[in-house]
Amino acid sequence: MQTVAAALDRLGELAASPTVARLAAAFEAGGHELALVGGPVRDAFLGRAVRDLDFTTDATPDEILAIVKPIAEAHWDIGRAFGTIGAKIAGETVEITTYRADSYDGASRKPEVVFGSSLEGDLTRRDFTVNALALRLPQLTLVDPSGGVEDLVAGVLRTPATPEQSFGDDPLRMLRAARFSSQLGFSLDDDTRAAMSTLAGAIERISAERVRDELSKLLLTGSPRGGIRLLVESGLAERVLPELPALSLEIDEHHHHKDVYEHSLTVLDQAIDYEISRGNLDSPDLIVRLAALLHDIGKPATRRLEPGGVVSFHHHDVVGAKLARKRLRDLRFDNDTIAAVSRLIELHLRFFGYADAAWSDSAVRRYVRDAGDQLERLHILTRADVTTRNRRKADRLGFAYDDLEARIAVLAEEEELAAVRPELDGQQIMALLDVPPGPVVGEAYRFLLELRLDEGPIGADAAAERLRAWWAARGTQP
């Protein structure tokens, strides 16, 4: 947290930038108010990088367009229904929104958009006091009607209005509270936390798409663990991601095992560390984080108490993949994300037999083939899944995975492992066997693929001979 003076100096520098200065001058000349609002002002106080330039004004959307058109390289009105006009000015993207006074009616999933008449009124309808800060332009006057600066100093999230009113107006703000607690490292004041629990059921009024976007933003923060805990403890997770609180399995007095919920949070933490330290993915990576958080959600459904005090979760990988696929589909995630996350969950146990007995080359090839383009993410998830406090066991698993990755690298260099395919394609198979397109071509292709995985590259001629022998064994000559 910077001092107020330092933050104002930083905001002054931002206001003097070509984009902000040009915009402020244009609105002043047009006889309208303009203020930098929300995140940019908050982040200036926190010493964080200012990435998005958001403005608010008393001008209507039509008036905003008339003002920005002469000074913008481009402009768009995709958010016009909500009072927002976007533009590119001096090379930077900005959004300008008419003062708002909208609210939910308690039943609809969409707010009724009502334009407001004052900056102060606009700020008091925002989600949290730390986001209800504005800098009037070009006057450089800080506007803070709800004590947001004091809450920034204290590291507290609090709503400008009562939390019951704020969350009643837009229940998504409860998920935003979890996200901001992780993103900023802030705690919630007692009234706000209590209201989240009381009003958790209201989240069901919010569309799956908006819930998905907010959950994604939470997972993409630097340390999402605290926000996820808040969702579970408030009862919100029970309504938007019920598989998560279900991981807090009851501990049978005769069948002790570690809490799968806590294990999953640790796996998420470790996956983020690997994602960053390995440096092979664009970070933050939503697929890695979703897979880490959800990788064990099949355990409650497969939990069995075995003789001798053993708890088993047979096939929880397969069950978990199906559950993840359904939940992510319900949350309207895109098909590629759903496929990648469910595949990682399905494969996350595959490695653990390697530590007990080294795999053949064909087993390594199959591991790579089955992972496909998710191999790096599978490396991360598998390594992160080791949370044992037994140092000797952890080291043994770590060394075993080092060995597996080294073997993958050697085989890849020798035979282009990342693109394992049969040495004859479909056209060659049909020509060799003199058959038309149909199921038999697929069977032949799979036979050649298994041959490739088992024996590595043997050459097209040898593959053709083996295919002829396979075809002859079926009782039909080419």
Protein backbone atom coordinates (compact mmCIF):
# COMPACT_ATOMS: atom_id res chain seq x y z
CA MET A 1 0.00 0.00 0.00
CA GLN A 2 1.44 3.35 -1.06
CA THR A 3 0.85 6.60 0.81
CA VAL A 4 -2.03 8.74 -0.35
CA ALA A 5 0.42 11.34 -1.61
CA ALA A 6 2.40 8.76 -3.59
CA ALA A 7 -0.80 7.30 -5.05
CA LEU A 8 -2.04 10.75 -6.11
CA ASP A 9 1.32 11.46 -7.73
CA ARG A 10 1.02 8.21 -9.65
CA LEU A 11 -2.54 9.03 -10.69
CA GLY A 12 -1.35 12.46 -11.79
CA GLU A 13 1.24 10.85 -14.04
CA LEU A 14 -1.46 8.56 -15.46
CA ALA A 15 -3.76 11.55 -16.07
CA ALA A 16 -0.94 13.27 -18.00
CA SER A 17 -0.57 10.32 -20.38
CA PRO A 18 -1.62 11.03 -24.00
CA THR A 19 -4.67 8.75 -23.82
CA VAL A 20 -6.14 10.10 -20.57
CA ALA A 21 -5.24 13.73 -21.25
CA ARG A 22 -6.83 13.65 -24.73
CA LEU A 23 -9.97 11.99 -23.40
CA ALA A 24 -10.29 14.37 -20.43
CA ALA A 25 -9.89 17.43 -22.66
CA ALA A 26 -12.52 16.16 -25.11
CA PHE A 27 -15.14 15.57 -22.40
CA GLU A 28 -14.44 18.93 -20.77
CA ALA A 29 -14.81 20.67 -24.13
CA GLY A 30 -18.08 18.80 -24.65
CA GLY A 31 -19.44 20.04 -21.33
CA HIS A 32 -19.49 16.63 -19.64
CA GLU A 33 -17.95 15.13 -16.51
CA LEU A 34 -15.32 12.38 -16.74
CA ALA A 35 -13.61 10.33 -14.04
CA LEU A 36 -11.12 7.49 -13.97
CA VAL A 37 -12.84 4.88 -11.84
CA GLY A 38 -12.48 1.57 -10.04
CA GLY A 39 -9.53 -0.74 -10.65
CA PRO A 40 -7.02 1.81 -12.02
CA VAL A 41 -7.48 4.07 -8.98
CA ARG A 42 -7.37 1.15 -6.55
CA ASP A 43 -4.24 -0.29 -8.13
CA ALA A 44 -2.48 3.08 -8.03
CA PHE A 45 -2.90 3.04 -4.24
CA LEU A 46 -1.70 -0.57 -4.03
CA GLY A 47 1.35 0.01 -6.20
CA ARG A 48 0.07 -2.54 -8.73
CA ALA A 49 0.36 -2.23 -12.50
CA VAL A 50 -2.55 -0.34 -14.04
CA ARG A 51 -3.73 -2.39 -17.02
CA ASP A 52 -7.30 -1.37 -17.84
CA LEU A 53 -8.49 2.20 -18.17
CA ASP A 54 -12.12 2.47 -17.07
CA PHE A 55 -13.96 5.79 -17.05
CA THR A 56 -17.40 6.96 -16.02
CA THR A 57 -19.32 10.04 -17.13
CA ASP A 58 -22.65 11.82 -17.01
CA ALA A 59 -22.79 11.64 -20.83
CA THR A 60 -25.22 9.20 -22.44
CA PRO A 61 -23.88 6.50 -24.77
CA ASP A 62 -24.80 8.61 -27.82
CA GLU A 63 -23.01 11.61 -26.34
CA ILE A 64 -19.97 9.48 -25.48
CA LEU A 65 -19.76 8.31 -29.11
CA ALA A 66 -20.01 11.88 -30.40
CA ILE A 67 -17.12 12.92 -28.14
CA VAL A 68 -14.75 10.01 -28.78
CA LYS A 69 -15.24 9.55 -32.53
CA PRO A 70 -13.05 12.54 -33.52
CA ILE A 71 -10.14 11.46 -31.27
CA ALA A 72 -10.30 7.65 -31.51
CA GLU A 73 -8.49 5.34 -33.90
CA ALA A 74 -11.39 2.92 -33.42
CA HIS A 75 -14.55 2.67 -31.36
CA TRP A 76 -17.24 0.06 -30.63
CA ASP A 77 -20.56 -0.04 -28.84
CA ILE A 78 -20.94 -3.73 -28.01
CA GLY A 79 -21.75 -2.73 -24.38
CA ARG A 80 -24.10 0.07 -25.39
CA ALA A 81 -27.13 -1.57 -23.75
CA PHE A 82 -25.30 -1.28 -20.43
CA GLY A 83 -24.10 2.25 -21.13
CA THR A 84 -20.54 1.31 -22.12
CA ILE A 85 -18.64 2.53 -25.17
CA GLY A 86 -15.18 1.22 -26.01
CA ALA A 87 -12.50 3.06 -27.94
CA LYS A 88 -8.85 2.99 -28.87
CA ILE A 89 -7.19 6.32 -28.20
CA ALA A 90 -3.47 7.03 -28.57
CA GLY A 91 -2.89 3.31 -28.92
CA GLU A 92 -4.67 2.32 -25.69
CA THR A 93 -8.04 0.64 -25.22
CA VAL A 94 -10.48 2.42 -22.91
CA GLU A 95 -14.06 1.91 -21.77
CA ILE A 96 -16.36 4.78 -20.86
CA THR A 97 -19.63 4.06 -19.06
CA THR A 98 -22.54 6.33 -18.25
CA TYR A 99 -23.23 6.74 -14.52
CA ARG A 100 -25.32 3.75 -13.46
CA ALA A 101 -28.03 3.13 -10.88
CA ASP A 102 -29.18 -0.32 -11.93
CA SER A 103 -30.22 -3.21 -9.70
CA TYR A 104 -31.68 -6.69 -9.86
CA ASP A 105 -35.37 -7.16 -9.24
CA GLY A 106 -34.77 -10.24 -7.09
CA ALA A 107 -35.88 -12.70 -9.76
CA SER A 108 -34.29 -11.85 -13.11
CA ARG A 109 -30.81 -13.01 -14.09
CA LYS A 110 -30.13 -9.66 -15.76
CA PRO A 111 -30.02 -6.20 -14.20
CA GLU A 112 -32.41 -3.47 -15.16
CA VAL A 113 -30.12 -0.80 -16.59
CA VAL A 114 -30.91 2.64 -15.19
CA PHE A 115 -28.56 5.56 -15.82
CA GLY A 116 -27.59 7.63 -12.81
CA SER A 117 -27.12 11.36 -12.39
CA SER A 118 -24.01 11.74 -10.23
CA LEU A 119 -20.55 10.30 -9.76
CA GLU A 120 -21.13 9.76 -6.06
CA GLY A 121 -24.34 7.83 -6.75
CA ASP A 122 -22.54 5.68 -9.32
CA LEU A 123 -19.78 4.86 -6.85
CA THR A 124 -22.10 3.85 -4.01
CA ARG A 125 -23.76 1.20 -6.25
CA ARG A 126 -20.44 -0.52 -6.94
CA ASP A 127 -19.39 -3.85 -5.42
CA PHE A 128 -16.76 -2.95 -2.81
CA THR A 129 -15.49 0.27 -1.28
CA VAL A 130 -11.96 -0.36 -2.57
CA ASN A 131 -13.42 -0.33 -6.10
CA ALA A 132 -15.66 2.68 -5.39
CA LEU A 133 -12.87 5.21 -5.90
CA ALA A 134 -12.67 7.75 -8.70
CA LEU A 135 -10.40 10.53 -9.93
CA ARG A 136 -12.23 13.45 -11.50
CA LEU A 137 -10.61 14.65 -14.71
CA PRO A 138 -9.02 16.96 -15.53
CA GLN A 139 -9.32 18.39 -11.99
CA LEU A 140 -7.45 15.44 -10.40
CA THR A 141 -9.90 15.33 -7.49
CA LEU A 142 -10.13 12.05 -5.59
CA VAL A 143 -13.72 10.98 -4.87
CA ASP A 144 -14.19 8.40 -2.11
CA PRO A 145 -17.72 8.47 -0.68
CA SER A 146 -17.53 5.11 1.13
CA GLY A 147 -14.13 5.10 2.85
CA GLY A 148 -12.39 2.98 0.25
CA VAL A 149 -8.94 4.40 0.98
CA GLU A 150 -9.23 3.43 4.64
CA ASP A 151 -10.26 -0.09 3.62
CA LEU A 152 -7.29 -0.30 1.24
CA VAL A 153 -5.00 0.58 4.15
CA ALA A 154 -6.68 -2.03 6.35
CA GLY A 155 -6.78 -4.69 3.63
CA VAL A 156 -10.53 -5.20 4.05
CA LEU A 157 -13.31 -5.91 1.56
CA ARG A 158 -16.56 -4.16 2.47
CA THR A 159 -19.60 -3.17 0.43
CA PRO A 160 -20.51 0.55 0.04
CA ALA A 161 -24.15 -0.17 0.89
CA THR A 162 -25.22 -2.87 3.32
CA PRO A 163 -23.98 -6.25 2.09
CA GLU A 164 -27.59 -7.50 2.02
CA GLN A 165 -28.52 -4.71 -0.39
CA SER A 166 -25.35 -5.01 -2.44
CA PHE A 167 -25.53 -8.80 -2.84
CA GLY A 168 -29.28 -8.61 -3.36
CA ASP A 169 -28.75 -6.16 -6.23
CA ASP A 170 -26.21 -8.47 -7.87
CA PRO A 171 -25.52 -11.86 -6.24
CA LEU A 172 -22.45 -12.33 -8.46
CA ARG A 173 -20.71 -9.89 -6.13
CA MET A 174 -20.41 -12.73 -3.62
CA LEU A 175 -18.19 -14.61 -6.08
CA ARG A 176 -16.32 -11.37 -6.77
CA ALA A 177 -15.65 -11.11 -3.04
CA ALA A 178 -13.90 -14.48 -3.16
CA ARG A 179 -11.94 -13.46 -6.23
CA PHE A 180 -10.81 -10.11 -4.84
CA SER A 181 -9.84 -11.68 -1.52
CA SER A 182 -7.39 -13.87 -3.44
CA GLN A 183 -6.34 -11.27 -5.98
CA LEU A 184 -5.64 -8.54 -3.44
CA GLY A 185 -4.88 -10.66 -0.38
CA PHE A 186 -7.67 -8.90 1.53
CA SER A 187 -10.02 -10.25 4.20
CA LEU A 188 -13.78 -9.70 4.37
CA ASP A 189 -15.34 -7.69 7.13
CA ASP A 190 -17.64 -9.69 9.42
CA ASP A 191 -20.92 -8.33 8.05
CA THR A 192 -19.92 -9.03 4.45
CA ARG A 193 -18.82 -12.57 5.27
CA ALA A 194 -22.03 -13.28 7.19
CA ALA A 195 -24.20 -11.95 4.36
CA MET A 196 -22.46 -14.26 1.88
CA SER A 197 -23.55 -17.26 3.93
CA THR A 198 -27.08 -15.95 4.45
CA LEU A 199 -27.63 -15.06 0.79
CA ALA A 200 -25.66 -17.89 -0.84
CA GLY A 201 -28.81 -19.30 -2.42
CA ALA A 202 -29.31 -16.10 -4.41
CA ILE A 203 -26.38 -17.06 -6.65
CA GLU A 204 -28.78 -19.39 -8.44
CA ARG A 205 -30.32 -16.30 -10.07
CA ILE A 206 -27.06 -15.67 -11.91
CA SER A 207 -26.45 -17.17 -15.33
CA ALA A 208 -24.00 -20.05 -15.67
CA GLU A 209 -21.86 -17.96 -18.02
CA ARG A 210 -21.33 -15.17 -15.47
CA VAL A 211 -20.57 -17.72 -12.73
CA ARG A 212 -18.08 -19.46 -15.03
CA ASP A 213 -16.29 -16.22 -15.82
CA GLU A 214 -15.97 -15.26 -12.16
CA LEU A 215 -14.74 -18.72 -11.12
CA SER A 216 -12.18 -18.58 -13.92
CA LYS A 217 -10.94 -15.18 -12.77
CA LEU A 218 -10.57 -16.54 -9.24
CA LEU A 219 -8.56 -19.54 -10.43
CA LEU A 220 -6.32 -17.29 -12.52
CA THR A 221 -5.25 -15.17 -9.54
CA GLY A 222 -1.78 -15.64 -8.11
CA SER A 223 -3.05 -17.57 -5.09
CA PRO A 224 -6.67 -18.75 -5.43
CA ARG A 225 -6.67 -20.97 -2.33
CA GLY A 226 -8.12 -18.36 0.05
CA GLY A 227 -10.94 -17.44 -2.32
CA ILE A 228 -11.84 -21.08 -2.85
CA ARG A 229 -11.98 -21.60 0.92
CA LEU A 230 -14.33 -18.64 1.16
CA LEU A 231 -16.65 -20.17 -1.44
CA VAL A 232 -16.76 -23.46 0.44
CA GLU A 233 -17.15 -21.95 3.90
CA SER A 234 -19.93 -19.57 2.80
CA GLY A 235 -21.95 -22.32 1.10
CA LEU A 236 -21.58 -20.75 -2.36
CA ALA A 237 -19.52 -23.66 -3.66
CA GLU A 238 -22.36 -26.03 -2.75
CA ARG A 239 -24.44 -24.20 -5.36
CA VAL A 240 -21.94 -23.50 -8.13
CA LEU A 241 -19.35 -26.28 -7.74
CA PRO A 242 -20.84 -28.85 -5.34
CA GLU A 243 -18.19 -31.48 -6.10
CA LEU A 244 -15.69 -29.32 -4.20
CA PRO A 245 -17.23 -29.27 -0.69
CA ALA A 246 -18.06 -32.95 -1.19
CA LEU A 247 -14.32 -33.64 -1.02
CA SER A 248 -14.35 -32.93 2.71
CA LEU A 249 -14.94 -36.60 3.40
CA GLU A 250 -16.01 -37.71 6.84
CA ILE A 251 -13.23 -39.40 8.76
CA ASP A 252 -14.43 -42.77 9.99
CA GLU A 253 -13.04 -43.47 13.45
CA HIS A 254 -11.74 -46.84 12.29
CA HIS A 255 -10.75 -45.90 8.74
CA HIS A 256 -8.47 -42.87 8.84
CA HIS A 257 -7.40 -41.13 5.63
CA LYS A 258 -6.35 -37.62 4.70
CA ASP A 259 -8.92 -34.96 3.83
CA VAL A 260 -9.29 -34.97 0.04
CA TYR A 261 -10.42 -31.32 0.01
CA GLU A 262 -7.23 -30.12 1.72
CA HIS A 263 -5.19 -32.39 -0.55
CA SER A 264 -6.83 -30.83 -3.62
CA LEU A 265 -6.03 -27.30 -2.46
CA THR A 266 -2.41 -28.33 -1.93
CA VAL A 267 -2.29 -29.90 -5.40
CA LEU A 268 -3.62 -26.62 -6.82
CA ASP A 269 -0.92 -24.64 -5.01
CA GLN A 270 1.80 -26.99 -6.23
CA ALA A 271 0.45 -27.06 -9.78
CA ILE A 272 0.66 -23.26 -9.92
CA ASP A 273 4.26 -23.42 -8.69
CA TYR A 274 5.16 -25.99 -11.37
CA GLU A 275 3.26 -24.07 -14.04
CA ILE A 276 5.41 -21.03 -13.30
CA SER A 277 8.75 -22.70 -12.57
CA ARG A 278 8.72 -25.03 -15.59
CA GLY A 279 7.90 -22.13 -17.90
CA ASN A 280 6.48 -24.24 -20.73
CA LEU A 281 2.95 -22.84 -20.66
CA ASP A 282 1.49 -19.38 -20.88
CA SER A 283 0.80 -18.60 -17.25
CA PRO A 284 -1.69 -18.44 -15.64
CA ASP A 285 -3.15 -21.58 -17.22
CA LEU A 286 -6.84 -22.20 -16.54
CA ILE A 287 -6.81 -25.83 -17.72
CA VAL A 288 -4.00 -26.80 -15.35
CA ARG A 289 -5.76 -25.12 -12.44
CA LEU A 290 -9.18 -26.59 -13.14
CA ALA A 291 -7.68 -30.06 -13.48
CA ALA A 292 -5.69 -29.68 -10.25
CA LEU A 293 -8.72 -28.49 -8.29
CA LEU A 294 -11.07 -31.15 -9.66
CA HIS A 295 -8.73 -34.12 -10.16
CA ASP A 296 -10.12 -36.10 -7.20
CA ILE A 297 -13.83 -35.23 -7.42
CA GLY A 298 -14.55 -38.87 -8.25
CA LYS A 299 -13.43 -39.99 -4.80
CA PRO A 300 -16.65 -39.43 -2.81
CA ALA A 301 -18.61 -41.59 -5.26
CA THR A 302 -16.01 -44.38 -5.25
CA ARG A 303 -15.05 -44.39 -1.56
CA ARG A 304 -15.09 -47.85 -0.03
CA LEU A 305 -14.12 -49.02 3.45
CA GLU A 306 -12.05 -52.16 3.00
CA PRO A 307 -11.14 -54.79 5.61
CA GLY A 308 -8.15 -53.93 7.71
CA GLY A 309 -8.85 -50.19 7.91
CA VAL A 310 -8.05 -49.40 4.29
CA VAL A 311 -10.01 -46.81 2.33
CA SER A 312 -10.13 -47.34 -1.44
CA PHE A 313 -11.21 -45.11 -4.33
CA HIS A 314 -11.09 -47.54 -7.24
CA HIS A 315 -11.67 -45.93 -10.66
CA HIS A 316 -12.06 -42.46 -9.18
CA ASP A 317 -10.06 -41.15 -12.13
CA VAL A 318 -12.65 -42.35 -14.66
CA VAL A 319 -15.61 -41.31 -12.50
CA GLY A 320 -13.99 -37.95 -11.80
CA ALA A 321 -13.46 -37.28 -15.50
CA LYS A 322 -17.17 -37.87 -16.15
CA LEU A 323 -18.21 -35.64 -13.25
CA ALA A 324 -15.85 -32.87 -14.36
CA ARG A 325 -17.16 -33.07 -17.91
CA LYS A 326 -20.74 -32.65 -16.70
CA ARG A 327 -19.98 -29.84 -14.26
CA LEU A 328 -17.91 -27.85 -16.76
CA ARG A 329 -20.59 -28.32 -19.39
CA ASP A 330 -23.22 -27.03 -16.96
CA LEU A 331 -21.00 -24.00 -16.34
CA ARG A 332 -20.84 -23.39 -20.11
CA PHE A 333 -17.11 -23.89 -20.51
CA ASP A 334 -15.99 -24.32 -24.11
CA ASN A 335 -15.59 -27.80 -25.55
CA ASP A 336 -11.80 -27.64 -25.78
CA THR A 337 -11.44 -26.77 -22.09
CA ILE A 338 -13.90 -29.50 -21.08
CA ALA A 339 -12.07 -32.10 -23.16
CA ALA A 340 -8.63 -31.12 -21.86
CA VAL A 341 -9.60 -31.00 -18.16
CA SER A 342 -11.53 -34.28 -18.24
CA ARG A 343 -8.68 -36.00 -20.11
CA LEU A 344 -6.13 -34.85 -17.54
CA ILE A 345 -8.31 -36.11 -14.69
CA GLU A 346 -8.74 -39.45 -16.46
CA LEU A 347 -4.96 -39.81 -16.86
CA HIS A 348 -3.72 -38.36 -13.58
CA LEU A 349 -3.09 -41.76 -11.95
CA ARG A 350 -1.41 -43.36 -14.95
CA PHE A 351 2.15 -42.58 -13.84
CA PHE A 352 2.07 -44.08 -10.37
CA GLY A 353 2.74 -47.61 -11.54
CA TYR A 354 5.97 -46.36 -13.14
CA ALA A 355 7.53 -45.68 -9.76
CA ASP A 356 7.08 -49.35 -8.81
CA ALA A 357 8.30 -50.92 -12.05
CA ALA A 358 9.98 -49.09 -14.92
CA TRP A 359 7.89 -49.07 -18.06
CA SER A 360 8.81 -50.56 -21.40
CA ASP A 361 9.36 -48.20 -24.30
CA SER A 362 5.91 -49.12 -25.61
CA ALA A 363 4.32 -48.07 -22.30
CA VAL A 364 6.12 -44.72 -22.48
CA ARG A 365 4.91 -44.24 -26.06
CA ARG A 366 1.33 -44.96 -24.99
CA TYR A 367 1.61 -42.46 -22.13
CA VAL A 368 2.64 -39.77 -24.59
CA ARG A 369 0.07 -40.85 -27.17
CA ASP A 370 -2.78 -40.83 -24.66
CA ALA A 371 -1.78 -37.42 -23.26
CA GLY A 372 -1.56 -35.92 -26.74
CA ASP A 373 -1.28 -32.15 -26.64
CA GLN A 374 -1.93 -32.19 -22.87
CA LEU A 375 1.43 -33.83 -22.05
CA GLU A 376 3.01 -30.81 -20.36
CA ARG A 377 -0.12 -30.23 -18.31
CA LEU A 378 -0.14 -33.91 -17.35
CA HIS A 379 3.49 -33.60 -16.22
CA ILE A 380 2.48 -30.69 -13.98
CA LEU A 381 -0.65 -32.34 -12.58
CA THR A 382 1.10 -35.63 -11.85
CA ARG A 383 4.00 -33.96 -10.06
CA ALA A 384 1.65 -31.68 -8.12
CA ASP A 385 -0.42 -34.68 -6.98
CA VAL A 386 2.42 -35.81 -4.70
CA THR A 387 1.52 -34.24 -1.35
CA THR A 388 2.83 -36.89 1.04
CA ARG A 389 4.77 -35.68 4.07
CA ASN A 390 6.96 -38.76 3.83
CA ARG A 391 10.11 -37.23 2.37
CA ARG A 392 11.51 -40.57 1.22
CA LYS A 393 8.31 -41.43 -0.68
CA ALA A 394 8.09 -37.95 -2.19
CA ASP A 395 11.70 -38.12 -3.37
CA ARG A 396 11.18 -41.59 -4.85
CA LEU A 397 8.17 -40.40 -6.86
CA GLY A 398 9.94 -37.23 -7.92
CA PHE A 399 13.02 -39.11 -9.14
CA ALA A 400 10.82 -41.61 -10.96
CA TYR A 401 9.02 -38.84 -12.82
CA ASP A 402 12.36 -37.20 -13.66
CA ASP A 403 13.35 -40.52 -15.19
CA LEU A 404 10.09 -40.79 -17.14
CA GLU A 405 10.46 -37.31 -18.58
CA ALA A 406 14.06 -38.08 -19.53
CA ARG A 407 12.97 -41.24 -21.36
CA ILE A 408 10.22 -39.34 -23.15
CA ALA A 409 12.78 -36.79 -24.31
CA VAL A 410 15.15 -39.49 -25.60
CA LEU A 411 12.40 -41.38 -27.43
CA ALA A 412 11.00 -38.16 -28.86
CA GLU A 413 14.39 -37.25 -30.25
CA GLU A 414 14.79 -40.71 -31.74
CA GLU A 415 11.38 -41.11 -33.31
CA GLU A 416 9.32 -37.92 -33.18
CA LEU A 417 7.25 -39.34 -30.35
CA ALA A 418 4.90 -36.38 -30.08
CA ALA A 419 3.33 -37.36 -33.41
CA VAL A 420 3.18 -41.15 -33.15
CA ARG A 421 1.25 -42.48 -36.14
CA PRO A 422 1.20 -45.74 -38.09
CA GLU A 423 3.72 -45.92 -40.91
CA LEU A 424 0.94 -46.41 -43.44
CA ASP A 425 -1.97 -44.02 -43.77
CA GLY A 426 -5.57 -44.80 -44.70
CA GLN A 427 -5.04 -44.43 -48.44
CA GLN A 428 -2.04 -46.78 -48.35
CA ILE A 429 -3.98 -49.32 -46.28
CA MET A 430 -6.86 -49.35 -48.77
CA ALA A 431 -4.48 -49.74 -51.72
CA LEU A 432 -2.50 -52.52 -50.05
CA LEU A 433 -5.56 -54.52 -48.97
CA ASP A 434 -7.67 -53.52 -51.98
CA VAL A 435 -10.59 -52.52 -49.79
CA PRO A 436 -12.94 -49.51 -49.91
CA PRO A 437 -13.36 -47.01 -47.04
CA GLY A 438 -15.07 -48.67 -44.10
CA PRO A 439 -14.61 -50.26 -40.67
CA VAL A 440 -11.85 -52.60 -41.83
CA VAL A 441 -9.60 -49.64 -42.65
CA GLY A 442 -10.01 -48.41 -39.07
CA GLU A 443 -9.18 -51.85 -37.70
CA ALA A 444 -6.08 -52.02 -39.86
CA TYR A 445 -5.05 -48.53 -38.77
CA ARG A 446 -5.38 -49.48 -35.11
CA PHE A 447 -3.36 -52.64 -35.67
CA LEU A 448 -0.54 -50.61 -37.21
CA LEU A 449 -0.73 -48.02 -34.42
CA GLU A 450 -0.37 -50.71 -31.75
CA LEU A 451 2.56 -52.12 -33.72
CA ARG A 452 4.15 -48.67 -33.81
CA LEU A 453 3.66 -48.20 -30.09
CA ASP A 454 5.00 -51.64 -29.20
CA GLU A 455 8.03 -51.76 -31.46
CA GLY A 456 8.76 -48.18 -32.47
CA PRO A 457 9.46 -47.25 -36.09
CA ILE A 458 10.02 -50.34 -38.27
CA GLY A 459 9.74 -48.75 -41.71
CA ALA A 460 6.94 -48.71 -44.26
CA ASP A 461 8.01 -51.94 -45.99
CA ALA A 462 8.08 -53.94 -42.77
CA ALA A 463 4.77 -52.41 -41.71
CA ALA A 464 3.25 -53.48 -45.03
CA GLU A 465 4.46 -57.06 -44.53
CA ARG A 466 3.04 -57.17 -41.01
CA LEU A 467 -0.26 -55.77 -42.27
CA ARG A 468 -0.44 -58.48 -44.97
CA ALA A 469 0.17 -61.14 -42.32
CA TRP A 470 -2.55 -59.61 -40.12
CA TRP A 471 -4.94 -59.58 -43.07
CA ALA A 472 -4.10 -63.17 -44.00
CA ALA A 473 -4.75 -64.28 -40.41
CA ARG A 474 -8.27 -62.95 -40.82
CA GLY A 475 -8.80 -65.48 -43.62
CA THR A 476 -8.81 -62.93 -46.47
CA GLN A 477 -5.98 -62.30 -48.93
CA PRO A 478 -5.32 -58.86 -50.44
